[in-house]
Amino acid sequence: YGFFDEAIVQAKYYLRGIFKGAGHPFEKRPEKKLNPLQQATYFAILNVLLPLQILTGALMMGVQQFPQVAGWFGGLPFLAPFHSLVAWTFAAFIVGHVYLTTTGPRPLTSLKAMVNGWEDVEAHPHADAQEPTGSEEVSE
């Protein structure tokens, strides 16, 4: 799987698998806390949408003082609807984000993790790790 294939697998889980009781396609690990869809979404929000929102907002705010600059970007007929579209995208992200906080083992588990800054994650041994048989001595 490549990054985008993994993001699609995660999106399919959120769209269908989560409602059928399927397990998460990607386990959280200390070195990889975000699934591929989270990585892509946060990248887009922070590096694309947020700068566009700031830029279009600044251009609209200064349209009377610097009409030629706003004109380079299509003026208010383009800037205002584009700025609104980005704002609605942020709103949809927030609604989806709040909904996804309820999809943990219990409805408030993920919200508690955001407030506390940590989350209890069930540890799964790797396939190549050997299970203890109980006969080994443990040295401390």
N, C-alpha and C. Protein backbone atom coordinates (compact mmCIF):
# COMPACT_ATOMS: atom_id res chain seq x y z
N TYR A 1 0.83 -1.19 0.00
CA TYR A 1 0.00 0.00 0.00
C TYR A 1 0.87 1.25 0.00
N GLY A 2 0.46 2.24 -0.77
CA GLY A 2 1.09 3.54 -0.72
C GLY A 2 0.28 4.45 0.20
N PHE A 3 0.78 5.66 0.38
CA PHE A 3 0.12 6.60 1.29
C PHE A 3 -1.33 6.86 0.89
N PHE A 4 -1.57 7.14 -0.40
CA PHE A 4 -2.93 7.47 -0.84
C PHE A 4 -3.84 6.25 -0.79
N ASP A 5 -3.29 5.07 -1.08
CA ASP A 5 -4.08 3.85 -0.95
C ASP A 5 -4.51 3.63 0.50
N GLU A 6 -3.59 3.89 1.42
CA GLU A 6 -3.91 3.75 2.84
C GLU A 6 -4.96 4.78 3.28
N ALA A 7 -4.87 6.00 2.75
CA ALA A 7 -5.87 7.03 3.07
C ALA A 7 -7.24 6.60 2.56
N ILE A 8 -7.29 5.97 1.40
CA ILE A 8 -8.57 5.50 0.85
C ILE A 8 -9.12 4.36 1.71
N VAL A 9 -8.24 3.46 2.16
CA VAL A 9 -8.67 2.38 3.05
C VAL A 9 -9.28 2.97 4.32
N GLN A 10 -8.64 3.99 4.88
CA GLN A 10 -9.15 4.62 6.10
C GLN A 10 -10.48 5.31 5.83
N ALA A 11 -10.61 6.00 4.69
CA ALA A 11 -11.87 6.67 4.34
C ALA A 11 -13.00 5.64 4.20
N LYS A 12 -12.70 4.51 3.57
CA LYS A 12 -13.72 3.45 3.44
C LYS A 12 -14.15 2.94 4.82
N TYR A 13 -13.19 2.85 5.73
CA TYR A 13 -13.52 2.43 7.09
C TYR A 13 -14.49 3.43 7.73
N TYR A 14 -14.20 4.73 7.59
CA TYR A 14 -15.07 5.75 8.19
C TYR A 14 -16.44 5.78 7.51
N LEU A 15 -16.50 5.49 6.22
CA LEU A 15 -17.78 5.55 5.50
C LEU A 15 -18.63 4.29 5.68
N ARG A 16 -17.98 3.11 5.80
CA ARG A 16 -18.74 1.87 5.90
C ARG A 16 -18.33 0.98 7.06
N GLY A 17 -17.05 0.72 7.15
CA GLY A 17 -16.55 -0.27 8.12
C GLY A 17 -16.91 0.04 9.56
N ILE A 18 -16.87 1.30 9.92
CA ILE A 18 -17.15 1.69 11.30
C ILE A 18 -18.59 1.33 11.70
N PHE A 19 -19.49 1.34 10.72
CA PHE A 19 -20.90 1.03 10.99
C PHE A 19 -21.16 -0.48 11.02
N LYS A 20 -20.21 -1.24 10.47
CA LYS A 20 -20.35 -2.70 10.46
C LYS A 20 -19.55 -3.35 11.58
N GLY A 21 -18.92 -2.53 12.43
CA GLY A 21 -18.15 -3.07 13.54
C GLY A 21 -16.76 -3.56 13.15
N ALA A 22 -16.28 -3.15 11.99
CA ALA A 22 -14.93 -3.56 11.55
C ALA A 22 -13.88 -2.90 12.44
N GLY A 23 -12.74 -3.55 12.54
CA GLY A 23 -11.64 -2.98 13.32
C GLY A 23 -10.96 -1.86 12.55
N HIS A 24 -10.24 -1.02 13.29
CA HIS A 24 -9.50 0.06 12.63
C HIS A 24 -8.46 -0.54 11.69
N PRO A 25 -8.32 0.00 10.49
CA PRO A 25 -7.34 -0.56 9.56
C PRO A 25 -5.89 -0.27 9.95
N PHE A 26 -5.66 0.74 10.78
CA PHE A 26 -4.29 1.10 11.17
C PHE A 26 -4.25 1.28 12.69
N GLU A 27 -3.32 0.59 13.32
CA GLU A 27 -3.16 0.71 14.77
C GLU A 27 -2.34 1.95 15.09
N LYS A 28 -2.65 2.56 16.23
CA LYS A 28 -1.83 3.67 16.72
C LYS A 28 -0.56 3.08 17.32
N ARG A 29 0.54 3.73 17.03
CA ARG A 29 1.83 3.35 17.61
C ARG A 29 2.51 4.63 18.07
N PRO A 30 3.40 4.53 19.03
CA PRO A 30 4.08 5.76 19.51
C PRO A 30 4.75 6.54 18.38
N GLU A 31 5.27 5.83 17.37
CA GLU A 31 5.96 6.52 16.28
C GLU A 31 5.01 6.95 15.16
N LYS A 32 3.76 6.49 15.18
CA LYS A 32 2.80 6.85 14.14
C LYS A 32 1.42 6.98 14.78
N LYS A 33 1.15 8.16 15.30
CA LYS A 33 -0.09 8.38 16.05
C LYS A 33 -1.27 8.74 15.16
N LEU A 34 -1.01 9.20 13.94
CA LEU A 34 -2.09 9.61 13.04
C LEU A 34 -2.22 8.61 11.90
N ASN A 35 -3.46 8.28 11.54
CA ASN A 35 -3.65 7.41 10.39
C ASN A 35 -3.45 8.24 9.11
N PRO A 36 -3.33 7.58 7.95
CA PRO A 36 -3.03 8.31 6.71
C PRO A 36 -4.07 9.38 6.37
N LEU A 37 -5.33 9.12 6.64
CA LEU A 37 -6.36 10.12 6.33
C LEU A 37 -6.22 11.33 7.24
N GLN A 38 -5.89 11.12 8.51
CA GLN A 38 -5.65 12.24 9.42
C GLN A 38 -4.45 13.05 8.95
N GLN A 39 -3.39 12.38 8.53
CA GLN A 39 -2.21 13.08 8.05
C GLN A 39 -2.55 13.97 6.86
N ALA A 40 -3.27 13.41 5.89
CA ALA A 40 -3.63 14.18 4.69
C ALA A 40 -4.56 15.33 5.04
N THR A 41 -5.53 15.08 5.92
CA THR A 41 -6.49 16.12 6.30
C THR A 41 -5.81 17.26 7.04
N TYR A 42 -4.99 16.93 8.03
CA TYR A 42 -4.31 17.99 8.79
C TYR A 42 -3.34 18.76 7.91
N PHE A 43 -2.68 18.06 6.98
CA PHE A 43 -1.79 18.76 6.04
C PHE A 43 -2.60 19.76 5.22
N ALA A 44 -3.73 19.32 4.68
CA ALA A 44 -4.56 20.20 3.85
C ALA A 44 -5.11 21.37 4.65
N ILE A 45 -5.59 21.11 5.85
CA ILE A 45 -6.15 22.18 6.69
C ILE A 45 -5.09 23.22 7.03
N LEU A 46 -3.95 22.76 7.52
CA LEU A 46 -2.93 23.69 8.02
C LEU A 46 -2.08 24.33 6.93
N ASN A 47 -1.85 23.62 5.83
CA ASN A 47 -0.93 24.12 4.82
C ASN A 47 -1.59 24.63 3.55
N VAL A 48 -2.87 24.35 3.38
CA VAL A 48 -3.57 24.83 2.19
C VAL A 48 -4.74 25.73 2.58
N LEU A 49 -5.72 25.18 3.29
CA LEU A 49 -6.94 25.94 3.58
C LEU A 49 -6.71 27.14 4.50
N LEU A 50 -5.96 26.95 5.57
CA LEU A 50 -5.73 28.07 6.49
C LEU A 50 -5.00 29.23 5.81
N PRO A 51 -3.91 28.99 5.07
CA PRO A 51 -3.29 30.12 4.35
C PRO A 51 -4.22 30.77 3.33
N LEU A 52 -5.02 29.96 2.62
CA LEU A 52 -5.97 30.53 1.65
C LEU A 52 -7.01 31.40 2.35
N GLN A 53 -7.48 30.95 3.51
CA GLN A 53 -8.48 31.72 4.26
C GLN A 53 -7.89 33.05 4.72
N ILE A 54 -6.66 33.00 5.22
CA ILE A 54 -6.00 34.24 5.67
C ILE A 54 -5.76 35.17 4.49
N LEU A 55 -5.27 34.63 3.38
CA LEU A 55 -4.99 35.45 2.19
C LEU A 55 -6.26 36.09 1.64
N THR A 56 -7.31 35.29 1.44
CA THR A 56 -8.54 35.86 0.88
C THR A 56 -9.18 36.84 1.84
N GLY A 57 -9.10 36.57 3.14
CA GLY A 57 -9.64 37.51 4.13
C GLY A 57 -8.89 38.83 4.11
N ALA A 58 -7.56 38.76 4.04
CA ALA A 58 -6.75 39.99 4.00
C ALA A 58 -7.02 40.77 2.72
N LEU A 59 -7.15 40.07 1.60
CA LEU A 59 -7.44 40.75 0.34
C LEU A 59 -8.81 41.42 0.37
N MET A 60 -9.80 40.77 0.95
CA MET A 60 -11.13 41.39 1.03
C MET A 60 -11.12 42.56 1.99
N MET A 61 -10.36 42.45 3.08
CA MET A 61 -10.30 43.53 4.05
C MET A 61 -9.63 44.77 3.44
N GLY A 62 -8.65 44.56 2.57
CA GLY A 62 -7.94 45.69 1.98
C GLY A 62 -8.36 46.04 0.58
N VAL A 63 -9.53 45.55 0.15
CA VAL A 63 -9.95 45.77 -1.24
C VAL A 63 -10.15 47.26 -1.56
N GLN A 64 -10.56 48.07 -0.60
CA GLN A 64 -10.76 49.50 -0.88
C GLN A 64 -9.44 50.25 -0.94
N GLN A 65 -8.48 49.86 -0.11
CA GLN A 65 -7.18 50.53 -0.11
C GLN A 65 -6.32 50.07 -1.28
N PHE A 66 -6.42 48.81 -1.65
CA PHE A 66 -5.58 48.23 -2.71
C PHE A 66 -6.43 47.44 -3.70
N PRO A 67 -7.29 48.11 -4.45
CA PRO A 67 -8.19 47.38 -5.36
C PRO A 67 -7.45 46.62 -6.45
N GLN A 68 -6.27 47.14 -6.86
CA GLN A 68 -5.54 46.45 -7.93
C GLN A 68 -5.02 45.09 -7.46
N VAL A 69 -4.62 45.00 -6.19
CA VAL A 69 -4.12 43.71 -5.67
C VAL A 69 -5.26 42.69 -5.63
N ALA A 70 -6.41 43.09 -5.12
CA ALA A 70 -7.56 42.18 -5.11
C ALA A 70 -7.97 41.83 -6.53
N GLY A 71 -7.80 42.76 -7.45
CA GLY A 71 -8.13 42.52 -8.85
C GLY A 71 -7.28 41.42 -9.47
N TRP A 72 -6.04 41.29 -9.03
CA TRP A 72 -5.18 40.22 -9.55
C TRP A 72 -5.76 38.85 -9.25
N PHE A 73 -6.56 38.76 -8.19
CA PHE A 73 -7.15 37.49 -7.78
C PHE A 73 -8.63 37.39 -8.14
N GLY A 74 -9.10 38.25 -9.02
CA GLY A 74 -10.49 38.19 -9.46
C GLY A 74 -11.42 39.15 -8.75
N GLY A 75 -10.90 39.95 -7.83
CA GLY A 75 -11.73 40.92 -7.12
C GLY A 75 -12.74 40.25 -6.21
N LEU A 76 -13.64 41.08 -5.67
CA LEU A 76 -14.65 40.55 -4.75
C LEU A 76 -15.57 39.49 -5.37
N PRO A 77 -15.90 39.59 -6.68
CA PRO A 77 -16.76 38.54 -7.24
C PRO A 77 -16.17 37.13 -7.13
N PHE A 78 -14.85 37.03 -7.08
CA PHE A 78 -14.23 35.72 -6.88
C PHE A 78 -13.87 35.49 -5.41
N LEU A 79 -13.28 36.50 -4.78
CA LEU A 79 -12.76 36.34 -3.42
C LEU A 79 -13.84 36.00 -2.40
N ALA A 80 -14.97 36.70 -2.44
CA ALA A 80 -16.00 36.50 -1.42
C ALA A 80 -16.57 35.07 -1.45
N PRO A 81 -16.99 34.54 -2.61
CA PRO A 81 -17.50 33.17 -2.59
C PRO A 81 -16.42 32.14 -2.26
N PHE A 82 -15.19 32.38 -2.73
CA PHE A 82 -14.11 31.45 -2.44
C PHE A 82 -13.81 31.43 -0.94
N HIS A 83 -13.77 32.60 -0.33
CA HIS A 83 -13.55 32.72 1.11
C HIS A 83 -14.67 32.00 1.87
N SER A 84 -15.90 32.15 1.41
CA SER A 84 -17.04 31.46 2.05
C SER A 84 -16.94 29.95 1.88
N LEU A 85 -16.52 29.50 0.71
CA LEU A 85 -16.35 28.07 0.47
C LEU A 85 -15.32 27.47 1.42
N VAL A 86 -14.21 28.16 1.60
CA VAL A 86 -13.18 27.68 2.52
C VAL A 86 -13.73 27.67 3.95
N ALA A 87 -14.49 28.70 4.32
CA ALA A 87 -15.08 28.75 5.66
C ALA A 87 -16.04 27.57 5.87
N TRP A 88 -16.86 27.26 4.88
CA TRP A 88 -17.77 26.13 4.98
C TRP A 88 -17.00 24.81 5.05
N THR A 89 -15.87 24.74 4.37
CA THR A 89 -15.03 23.54 4.45
C THR A 89 -14.50 23.36 5.87
N PHE A 90 -14.06 24.47 6.49
CA PHE A 90 -13.64 24.42 7.89
C PHE A 90 -14.80 23.96 8.78
N ALA A 91 -15.99 24.49 8.55
CA ALA A 91 -17.15 24.11 9.36
C ALA A 91 -17.46 22.62 9.21
N ALA A 92 -17.39 22.11 7.98
CA ALA A 92 -17.64 20.68 7.75
C ALA A 92 -16.57 19.84 8.45
N PHE A 93 -15.33 20.30 8.41
CA PHE A 93 -14.25 19.59 9.10
C PHE A 93 -14.53 19.53 10.60
N ILE A 94 -14.97 20.63 11.16
CA ILE A 94 -15.26 20.67 12.60
C ILE A 94 -16.40 19.72 12.96
N VAL A 95 -17.47 19.73 12.16
CA VAL A 95 -18.60 18.82 12.42
C VAL A 95 -18.13 17.37 12.34
N GLY A 96 -17.38 17.03 11.29
CA GLY A 96 -16.86 15.67 11.16
C GLY A 96 -15.92 15.31 12.28
N HIS A 97 -15.09 16.25 12.67
CA HIS A 97 -14.12 16.03 13.74
C HIS A 97 -14.82 15.77 15.07
N VAL A 98 -15.84 16.55 15.37
CA VAL A 98 -16.60 16.36 16.61
C VAL A 98 -17.31 15.00 16.57
N TYR A 99 -17.89 14.65 15.42
CA TYR A 99 -18.53 13.34 15.31
C TYR A 99 -17.53 12.22 15.56
N LEU A 100 -16.35 12.31 14.95
CA LEU A 100 -15.36 11.24 15.09
C LEU A 100 -14.85 11.10 16.52
N THR A 101 -15.00 12.14 17.34
CA THR A 101 -14.60 11.99 18.75
C THR A 101 -15.51 11.02 19.48
N THR A 102 -16.68 10.74 18.93
CA THR A 102 -17.62 9.82 19.59
C THR A 102 -17.47 8.38 19.13
N THR A 103 -16.52 8.10 18.24
CA THR A 103 -16.42 6.76 17.66
C THR A 103 -15.40 5.87 18.36
N GLY A 104 -14.91 6.27 19.50
CA GLY A 104 -13.96 5.45 20.26
C GLY A 104 -14.68 4.30 20.94
N PRO A 105 -13.96 3.58 21.80
CA PRO A 105 -14.59 2.46 22.53
C PRO A 105 -15.82 2.90 23.32
N ARG A 106 -15.77 4.10 23.88
CA ARG A 106 -16.92 4.72 24.54
C ARG A 106 -17.06 6.11 23.95
N PRO A 107 -18.26 6.69 23.96
CA PRO A 107 -18.48 7.97 23.28
C PRO A 107 -17.54 9.11 23.66
N LEU A 108 -17.08 9.17 24.89
CA LEU A 108 -16.24 10.30 25.30
C LEU A 108 -14.76 9.94 25.44
N THR A 109 -14.37 8.73 25.05
CA THR A 109 -12.98 8.31 25.19
C THR A 109 -12.02 9.23 24.44
N SER A 110 -12.31 9.51 23.18
CA SER A 110 -11.42 10.35 22.37
C SER A 110 -11.41 11.79 22.86
N LEU A 111 -12.55 12.28 23.31
CA LEU A 111 -12.61 13.64 23.84
C LEU A 111 -11.76 13.74 25.11
N LYS A 112 -11.85 12.72 25.95
CA LYS A 112 -11.03 12.69 27.17
C LYS A 112 -9.55 12.70 26.80
N ALA A 113 -9.17 11.97 25.76
CA ALA A 113 -7.77 11.94 25.33
C ALA A 113 -7.31 13.32 24.85
N MET A 114 -8.17 14.06 24.18
CA MET A 114 -7.80 15.41 23.73
C MET A 114 -7.60 16.35 24.91
N VAL A 115 -8.43 16.21 25.93
CA VAL A 115 -8.33 17.08 27.10
C VAL A 115 -7.10 16.71 27.94
N ASN A 116 -6.90 15.41 28.17
CA ASN A 116 -5.79 14.95 29.00
C ASN A 116 -4.45 14.96 28.29
N GLY A 117 -4.47 14.84 26.97
CA GLY A 117 -3.23 14.80 26.21
C GLY A 117 -2.65 13.41 26.04
N TRP A 118 -3.35 12.38 26.49
CA TRP A 118 -2.89 11.02 26.30
C TRP A 118 -4.08 10.09 26.20
N GLU A 119 -3.82 8.90 25.64
CA GLU A 119 -4.89 7.93 25.42
C GLU A 119 -4.36 6.53 25.75
N ASP A 120 -5.18 5.74 26.40
CA ASP A 120 -4.83 4.35 26.64
C ASP A 120 -5.11 3.57 25.36
N VAL A 121 -4.07 2.96 24.82
CA VAL A 121 -4.20 2.19 23.58
C VAL A 121 -3.84 0.76 23.89
N GLU A 122 -4.67 -0.16 23.42
CA GLU A 122 -4.40 -1.58 23.63
C GLU A 122 -3.15 -1.96 22.86
N ALA A 123 -2.21 -2.58 23.54
CA ALA A 123 -0.95 -2.98 22.91
C ALA A 123 -1.11 -4.35 22.28
N HIS A 124 -0.65 -4.47 21.04
CA HIS A 124 -0.65 -5.74 20.33
C HIS A 124 0.80 -6.09 20.02
N PRO A 125 1.26 -7.27 20.44
CA PRO A 125 2.64 -7.64 20.11
C PRO A 125 2.79 -7.82 18.61
N HIS A 126 3.96 -7.50 18.12
CA HIS A 126 4.23 -7.70 16.69
C HIS A 126 4.28 -9.19 16.38
N ALA A 127 4.00 -9.54 15.15
CA ALA A 127 3.96 -10.94 14.75
C ALA A 127 5.32 -11.62 14.94
N ASP A 128 6.41 -10.88 14.80
CA ASP A 128 7.73 -11.47 14.92
C ASP A 128 8.19 -11.59 16.38
N ALA A 129 7.46 -10.98 17.31
CA ALA A 129 7.82 -11.08 18.72
C ALA A 129 7.28 -12.39 19.28
N GLN A 130 8.06 -13.01 20.14
CA GLN A 130 7.61 -14.27 20.72
C GLN A 130 6.80 -14.01 21.97
N GLU A 131 5.74 -14.78 22.13
CA GLU A 131 4.91 -14.69 23.31
C GLU A 131 5.61 -15.41 24.46
N PRO A 132 5.58 -14.85 25.67
CA PRO A 132 6.16 -15.57 26.80
C PRO A 132 5.33 -16.81 27.12
N THR A 133 6.00 -17.89 27.46
CA THR A 133 5.29 -19.14 27.74
C THR A 133 4.97 -19.29 29.22
N GLY A 134 5.54 -18.44 30.04
CA GLY A 134 5.28 -18.51 31.46
C GLY A 134 6.37 -19.26 32.20
N SER A 135 7.23 -19.98 31.47
CA SER A 135 8.28 -20.75 32.14
C SER A 135 9.59 -19.97 32.24
N GLU A 136 9.68 -18.83 31.56
CA GLU A 136 10.90 -18.04 31.61
C GLU A 136 10.96 -17.24 32.90
N GLU A 137 12.17 -17.04 33.39
CA GLU A 137 12.35 -16.19 34.56
C GLU A 137 12.50 -14.76 34.09
N VAL A 138 11.96 -13.86 34.86
CA VAL A 138 12.05 -12.44 34.53
C VAL A 138 13.04 -11.81 35.48
N SER A 139 14.08 -11.20 34.94
CA SER A 139 15.06 -10.52 35.79
C SER A 139 14.71 -9.05 35.85
N GLU A 140 14.89 -8.49 37.02
CA GLU A 140 14.56 -7.08 37.20
C GLU A 140 15.79 -6.30 37.56
